[in-house]
């Protein structure tokens, strides 16, 4: 994951698979999240749209999301990590819990840095 021009974030194929496929799948089909829009920052239909756009571009090796989408995806990742916990996370998403926690931290750092840079 890396920042591009302080407005976009480039994801690796693995990061994109987790953030744009596995996490939305859990939020849409896996469990009900109370206060979805206030927790994630977008509505469920918007999350579906972001995920469906990923399916259209999944043959690419580079995936770029705007920081506004990345914020919602970060919130979605945090919600799924919290809901599923260590034992269930890998079983249901196919990704290691520790790997997802590291990604969450990276996203928080990059989004904070981009926000500071954008304010200058």
N, C-alpha and C. Protein backbone atom coordinates (compact mmCIF):
# COMPACT_ATOMS: atom_id res chain seq x y z
N UNK A 1 0.84 -1.17 0.00
CA UNK A 1 0.00 0.00 0.00
C UNK A 1 0.89 1.23 0.00
N UNK A 2 0.51 2.17 -0.88
CA UNK A 2 1.25 3.43 -0.89
C UNK A 2 0.34 4.56 -1.31
N UNK A 3 0.72 5.73 -0.85
CA UNK A 3 -0.03 6.94 -1.17
C UNK A 3 0.37 7.46 -2.54
N UNK A 4 -0.61 7.97 -3.28
CA UNK A 4 -0.34 8.56 -4.59
C UNK A 4 -0.92 9.97 -4.57
N UNK A 5 -0.07 10.96 -4.70
CA UNK A 5 -0.49 12.36 -4.83
C UNK A 5 -1.43 12.83 -3.71
N UNK A 6 -1.36 12.23 -2.55
CA UNK A 6 -2.13 12.62 -1.37
C UNK A 6 -3.64 12.57 -1.55
N UNK A 7 -4.10 11.99 -2.65
CA UNK A 7 -5.55 11.87 -2.85
C UNK A 7 -5.98 10.43 -3.08
N UNK A 8 -5.03 9.57 -3.44
CA UNK A 8 -5.33 8.18 -3.76
C UNK A 8 -4.38 7.25 -3.02
N UNK A 9 -4.82 6.01 -2.89
CA UNK A 9 -3.99 4.96 -2.29
C UNK A 9 -3.96 3.79 -3.24
N UNK A 10 -2.75 3.32 -3.51
CA UNK A 10 -2.58 2.15 -4.36
C UNK A 10 -2.47 0.91 -3.49
N UNK A 11 -3.28 -0.09 -3.81
CA UNK A 11 -3.32 -1.34 -3.07
C UNK A 11 -2.68 -2.46 -3.88
N UNK A 12 -2.03 -3.37 -3.20
CA UNK A 12 -1.56 -4.59 -3.86
C UNK A 12 -2.77 -5.46 -4.17
N UNK A 13 -2.58 -6.48 -4.98
CA UNK A 13 -3.68 -7.40 -5.32
C UNK A 13 -4.25 -8.06 -4.06
N UNK A 14 -3.39 -8.45 -3.13
CA UNK A 14 -3.83 -9.10 -1.90
C UNK A 14 -4.62 -8.13 -1.03
N UNK A 15 -4.13 -6.89 -0.89
CA UNK A 15 -4.84 -5.89 -0.11
C UNK A 15 -6.20 -5.59 -0.73
N UNK A 16 -6.23 -5.48 -2.05
CA UNK A 16 -7.49 -5.21 -2.75
C UNK A 16 -8.47 -6.36 -2.56
N UNK A 17 -7.98 -7.59 -2.63
CA UNK A 17 -8.86 -8.75 -2.44
C UNK A 17 -9.50 -8.72 -1.05
N UNK A 18 -8.72 -8.37 -0.04
CA UNK A 18 -9.26 -8.29 1.31
C UNK A 18 -10.24 -7.13 1.45
N UNK A 19 -9.79 -5.92 1.07
CA UNK A 19 -10.58 -4.71 1.31
C UNK A 19 -11.78 -4.54 0.37
N UNK A 20 -11.65 -5.04 -0.85
CA UNK A 20 -12.68 -4.78 -1.85
C UNK A 20 -13.55 -6.00 -2.16
N UNK A 21 -13.20 -7.13 -1.57
CA UNK A 21 -13.99 -8.34 -1.80
C UNK A 21 -14.40 -8.99 -0.47
N UNK A 22 -13.42 -9.46 0.30
CA UNK A 22 -13.74 -10.22 1.52
C UNK A 22 -14.46 -9.39 2.57
N UNK A 23 -13.98 -8.18 2.82
CA UNK A 23 -14.59 -7.34 3.86
C UNK A 23 -16.01 -6.91 3.46
N UNK A 24 -16.21 -6.37 2.23
CA UNK A 24 -17.60 -6.05 1.85
C UNK A 24 -18.52 -7.27 1.90
N UNK A 25 -18.01 -8.43 1.50
CA UNK A 25 -18.83 -9.65 1.55
C UNK A 25 -19.32 -9.93 2.97
N UNK A 26 -18.44 -9.78 3.95
CA UNK A 26 -18.85 -10.01 5.34
C UNK A 26 -19.89 -9.00 5.79
N UNK A 27 -19.70 -7.74 5.41
CA UNK A 27 -20.65 -6.71 5.84
C UNK A 27 -22.00 -6.81 5.12
N UNK A 28 -21.97 -7.30 3.89
CA UNK A 28 -23.21 -7.40 3.11
C UNK A 28 -23.94 -8.71 3.40
N UNK A 29 -23.17 -9.81 3.51
CA UNK A 29 -23.77 -11.14 3.63
C UNK A 29 -23.50 -11.87 4.94
N UNK A 30 -22.49 -11.43 5.70
CA UNK A 30 -22.05 -12.22 6.84
C UNK A 30 -22.74 -11.92 8.15
N UNK A 31 -22.90 -10.66 8.47
CA UNK A 31 -23.53 -10.29 9.73
C UNK A 31 -24.13 -8.90 9.58
N UNK A 32 -25.05 -8.59 10.48
CA UNK A 32 -25.71 -7.29 10.44
C UNK A 32 -24.94 -6.31 11.33
N UNK A 33 -24.62 -5.17 10.79
CA UNK A 33 -23.91 -4.14 11.53
C UNK A 33 -24.89 -3.03 11.88
N UNK A 34 -25.08 -2.80 13.17
CA UNK A 34 -25.95 -1.70 13.60
C UNK A 34 -25.30 -0.38 13.21
N UNK A 35 -26.11 0.60 12.86
CA UNK A 35 -25.62 1.92 12.49
C UNK A 35 -24.59 1.85 11.36
N UNK A 36 -24.92 1.08 10.33
CA UNK A 36 -23.99 0.81 9.24
C UNK A 36 -23.37 2.10 8.68
N UNK A 37 -24.21 3.02 8.26
CA UNK A 37 -23.70 4.21 7.59
C UNK A 37 -22.84 5.07 8.51
N UNK A 38 -23.22 5.23 9.75
CA UNK A 38 -22.42 6.05 10.65
C UNK A 38 -21.12 5.34 11.04
N UNK A 39 -21.13 4.03 11.09
CA UNK A 39 -19.92 3.27 11.43
C UNK A 39 -18.94 3.22 10.26
N UNK A 40 -19.44 2.96 9.06
CA UNK A 40 -18.58 2.78 7.89
C UNK A 40 -18.31 4.11 7.18
N UNK A 41 -19.26 5.00 7.21
CA UNK A 41 -19.08 6.29 6.55
C UNK A 41 -19.77 6.38 5.20
N UNK A 42 -20.30 5.26 4.74
CA UNK A 42 -21.08 5.19 3.50
C UNK A 42 -22.20 4.18 3.71
N UNK A 43 -23.19 4.22 2.84
CA UNK A 43 -24.28 3.26 2.91
C UNK A 43 -23.90 1.92 2.32
N UNK A 44 -24.71 0.94 2.57
CA UNK A 44 -24.43 -0.41 2.08
C UNK A 44 -24.42 -0.47 0.56
N UNK A 45 -25.28 0.31 -0.09
CA UNK A 45 -25.30 0.33 -1.56
C UNK A 45 -24.01 0.91 -2.12
N UNK A 46 -23.46 1.92 -1.46
CA UNK A 46 -22.18 2.49 -1.91
C UNK A 46 -21.06 1.46 -1.74
N UNK A 47 -21.08 0.72 -0.63
CA UNK A 47 -20.07 -0.31 -0.42
C UNK A 47 -20.18 -1.39 -1.49
N UNK A 48 -21.40 -1.78 -1.81
CA UNK A 48 -21.61 -2.76 -2.88
C UNK A 48 -21.05 -2.25 -4.20
N UNK A 49 -21.26 -0.99 -4.49
CA UNK A 49 -20.77 -0.39 -5.73
C UNK A 49 -19.25 -0.41 -5.79
N UNK A 50 -18.59 -0.05 -4.71
CA UNK A 50 -17.12 -0.08 -4.67
C UNK A 50 -16.63 -1.50 -4.90
N UNK A 51 -17.26 -2.47 -4.25
CA UNK A 51 -16.87 -3.86 -4.39
C UNK A 51 -17.12 -4.36 -5.82
N UNK A 52 -18.24 -3.99 -6.41
CA UNK A 52 -18.54 -4.42 -7.78
C UNK A 52 -17.57 -3.81 -8.78
N UNK A 53 -17.15 -2.57 -8.55
CA UNK A 53 -16.14 -1.95 -9.42
C UNK A 53 -14.83 -2.73 -9.37
N UNK A 54 -14.49 -3.24 -8.18
CA UNK A 54 -13.29 -4.05 -8.05
C UNK A 54 -13.39 -5.31 -8.91
N UNK A 55 -14.56 -5.92 -8.94
CA UNK A 55 -14.73 -7.13 -9.74
C UNK A 55 -14.46 -6.85 -11.22
N UNK A 56 -14.83 -5.66 -11.68
CA UNK A 56 -14.59 -5.28 -13.07
C UNK A 56 -13.11 -5.11 -13.39
N UNK A 57 -12.32 -4.73 -12.39
CA UNK A 57 -10.90 -4.44 -12.63
C UNK A 57 -9.98 -5.46 -11.98
N UNK A 58 -10.50 -6.60 -11.56
CA UNK A 58 -9.70 -7.55 -10.79
C UNK A 58 -8.59 -8.22 -11.59
N UNK A 59 -8.51 -8.02 -12.87
CA UNK A 59 -7.43 -8.60 -13.66
C UNK A 59 -6.16 -7.75 -13.60
N UNK A 60 -6.27 -6.53 -13.09
CA UNK A 60 -5.15 -5.61 -12.99
C UNK A 60 -4.26 -5.99 -11.81
N UNK A 61 -3.01 -5.55 -11.85
CA UNK A 61 -2.10 -5.78 -10.73
C UNK A 61 -2.08 -4.60 -9.78
N UNK A 62 -2.62 -3.46 -10.19
CA UNK A 62 -2.65 -2.27 -9.35
C UNK A 62 -4.09 -1.83 -9.15
N UNK A 63 -4.40 -1.51 -7.92
CA UNK A 63 -5.73 -1.06 -7.57
C UNK A 63 -5.60 0.27 -6.85
N UNK A 64 -6.29 1.27 -7.34
CA UNK A 64 -6.20 2.60 -6.76
C UNK A 64 -7.58 3.00 -6.25
N UNK A 65 -7.63 3.44 -5.00
CA UNK A 65 -8.86 3.94 -4.42
C UNK A 65 -8.60 5.36 -3.93
N UNK A 66 -9.62 6.19 -4.05
CA UNK A 66 -9.54 7.56 -3.56
C UNK A 66 -9.54 7.51 -2.03
N UNK A 67 -8.93 8.49 -1.41
CA UNK A 67 -8.85 8.51 0.05
C UNK A 67 -10.22 8.47 0.72
N UNK A 68 -11.23 9.06 0.10
CA UNK A 68 -12.57 9.01 0.70
C UNK A 68 -13.09 7.57 0.74
N UNK A 69 -12.83 6.80 -0.32
CA UNK A 69 -13.20 5.38 -0.33
C UNK A 69 -12.34 4.61 0.66
N UNK A 70 -11.05 4.94 0.71
CA UNK A 70 -10.14 4.25 1.62
C UNK A 70 -10.55 4.43 3.08
N UNK A 71 -11.05 5.61 3.43
CA UNK A 71 -11.53 5.83 4.81
C UNK A 71 -12.68 4.87 5.14
N UNK A 72 -13.62 4.75 4.22
CA UNK A 72 -14.74 3.84 4.44
C UNK A 72 -14.28 2.39 4.48
N UNK A 73 -13.34 2.03 3.62
CA UNK A 73 -12.81 0.66 3.62
C UNK A 73 -12.05 0.38 4.91
N UNK A 74 -11.34 1.37 5.43
CA UNK A 74 -10.64 1.22 6.72
C UNK A 74 -11.66 0.99 7.82
N UNK A 75 -12.74 1.77 7.82
CA UNK A 75 -13.79 1.60 8.83
C UNK A 75 -14.44 0.23 8.71
N UNK A 76 -14.64 -0.22 7.48
CA UNK A 76 -15.24 -1.54 7.25
C UNK A 76 -14.31 -2.64 7.77
N UNK A 77 -13.02 -2.51 7.50
CA UNK A 77 -12.05 -3.49 7.99
C UNK A 77 -12.06 -3.54 9.51
N UNK A 78 -12.06 -2.38 10.15
CA UNK A 78 -12.07 -2.32 11.61
C UNK A 78 -13.34 -2.99 12.16
N UNK A 79 -14.48 -2.73 11.54
CA UNK A 79 -15.74 -3.33 12.00
C UNK A 79 -15.73 -4.84 11.88
N UNK A 80 -15.20 -5.36 10.77
CA UNK A 80 -15.16 -6.81 10.57
C UNK A 80 -14.16 -7.45 11.52
N UNK A 81 -13.00 -6.82 11.69
CA UNK A 81 -12.02 -7.35 12.66
C UNK A 81 -12.64 -7.44 14.05
N UNK A 82 -13.35 -6.41 14.43
CA UNK A 82 -13.99 -6.37 15.74
C UNK A 82 -15.08 -7.43 15.87
N UNK A 83 -15.89 -7.55 14.86
CA UNK A 83 -17.02 -8.50 14.91
C UNK A 83 -16.55 -9.96 14.89
N UNK A 84 -15.60 -10.29 14.02
CA UNK A 84 -15.22 -11.69 13.84
C UNK A 84 -14.19 -12.18 14.85
N UNK A 85 -13.31 -11.31 15.30
CA UNK A 85 -12.28 -11.72 16.24
C UNK A 85 -11.21 -12.57 15.58
N UNK A 86 -10.24 -12.97 16.35
CA UNK A 86 -9.06 -13.67 15.84
C UNK A 86 -9.42 -15.02 15.23
N UNK A 87 -10.21 -15.82 15.93
CA UNK A 87 -10.50 -17.18 15.47
C UNK A 87 -11.29 -17.20 14.16
N UNK A 88 -12.32 -16.39 14.06
CA UNK A 88 -13.20 -16.46 12.89
C UNK A 88 -12.69 -15.69 11.68
N UNK A 89 -11.84 -14.69 11.91
CA UNK A 89 -11.46 -13.82 10.81
C UNK A 89 -10.84 -14.59 9.65
N UNK A 90 -9.85 -15.42 9.92
CA UNK A 90 -9.21 -16.15 8.82
C UNK A 90 -10.16 -17.15 8.18
N UNK A 91 -10.94 -17.82 8.98
CA UNK A 91 -11.88 -18.80 8.44
C UNK A 91 -12.86 -18.17 7.47
N UNK A 92 -13.35 -17.00 7.81
CA UNK A 92 -14.40 -16.37 6.99
C UNK A 92 -13.86 -15.50 5.88
N UNK A 93 -12.65 -14.94 6.04
CA UNK A 93 -12.13 -14.05 4.99
C UNK A 93 -11.00 -14.68 4.18
N UNK A 94 -10.33 -15.67 4.76
CA UNK A 94 -9.17 -16.26 4.08
C UNK A 94 -7.88 -15.50 4.32
N UNK A 95 -7.92 -14.49 5.18
CA UNK A 95 -6.74 -13.68 5.48
C UNK A 95 -6.41 -13.78 6.96
N UNK A 96 -5.13 -13.68 7.27
CA UNK A 96 -4.67 -13.72 8.66
C UNK A 96 -5.13 -12.47 9.41
N UNK A 97 -5.55 -12.65 10.64
CA UNK A 97 -5.98 -11.54 11.49
C UNK A 97 -4.85 -10.52 11.67
N UNK A 98 -3.64 -11.00 11.94
CA UNK A 98 -2.48 -10.10 12.14
C UNK A 98 -2.19 -9.29 10.89
N UNK A 99 -2.30 -9.92 9.73
CA UNK A 99 -2.09 -9.23 8.46
C UNK A 99 -3.11 -8.10 8.29
N UNK A 100 -4.35 -8.38 8.62
CA UNK A 100 -5.40 -7.37 8.52
C UNK A 100 -5.20 -6.24 9.52
N UNK A 101 -4.74 -6.57 10.71
CA UNK A 101 -4.44 -5.54 11.71
C UNK A 101 -3.31 -4.62 11.23
N UNK A 102 -2.29 -5.20 10.63
CA UNK A 102 -1.19 -4.39 10.08
C UNK A 102 -1.71 -3.47 8.97
N UNK A 103 -2.54 -4.02 8.10
CA UNK A 103 -3.12 -3.23 7.02
C UNK A 103 -3.96 -2.08 7.59
N UNK A 104 -4.74 -2.35 8.61
CA UNK A 104 -5.54 -1.31 9.25
C UNK A 104 -4.64 -0.19 9.77
N UNK A 105 -3.55 -0.55 10.43
CA UNK A 105 -2.60 0.45 10.93
C UNK A 105 -1.96 1.24 9.81
N UNK A 106 -1.59 0.57 8.73
CA UNK A 106 -1.01 1.25 7.57
C UNK A 106 -2.00 2.24 6.96
N UNK A 107 -3.25 1.81 6.86
CA UNK A 107 -4.28 2.69 6.30
C UNK A 107 -4.48 3.93 7.17
N UNK A 108 -4.54 3.73 8.48
CA UNK A 108 -4.71 4.86 9.39
C UNK A 108 -3.55 5.84 9.24
N UNK A 109 -2.33 5.31 9.17
CA UNK A 109 -1.15 6.17 9.03
C UNK A 109 -1.18 6.94 7.73
N UNK A 110 -1.43 6.26 6.63
CA UNK A 110 -1.44 6.92 5.31
C UNK A 110 -2.56 7.95 5.22
N UNK A 111 -3.73 7.62 5.69
CA UNK A 111 -4.85 8.56 5.63
C UNK A 111 -4.59 9.79 6.50
N UNK A 112 -3.97 9.60 7.65
CA UNK A 112 -3.62 10.73 8.50
C UNK A 112 -2.59 11.61 7.82
N UNK A 113 -1.56 10.99 7.23
CA UNK A 113 -0.54 11.74 6.50
C UNK A 113 -1.13 12.49 5.32
N UNK A 114 -1.99 11.82 4.56
CA UNK A 114 -2.61 12.46 3.40
C UNK A 114 -3.50 13.62 3.82
N UNK A 115 -4.19 13.47 4.94
CA UNK A 115 -5.05 14.54 5.44
C UNK A 115 -4.22 15.76 5.82
N UNK A 116 -3.07 15.52 6.46
CA UNK A 116 -2.17 16.63 6.83
C UNK A 116 -1.61 17.31 5.59
N UNK A 117 -1.21 16.50 4.61
CA UNK A 117 -0.65 17.06 3.36
C UNK A 117 -1.70 17.84 2.59
N UNK A 118 -2.92 17.34 2.60
CA UNK A 118 -4.00 18.01 1.88
C UNK A 118 -4.39 19.33 2.52
N UNK A 119 -4.12 19.48 3.81
CA UNK A 119 -4.47 20.69 4.52
C UNK A 119 -3.44 21.80 4.29
N UNK A 120 -2.30 21.44 3.75
CA UNK A 120 -1.25 22.44 3.53
C UNK A 120 -1.49 23.28 2.33
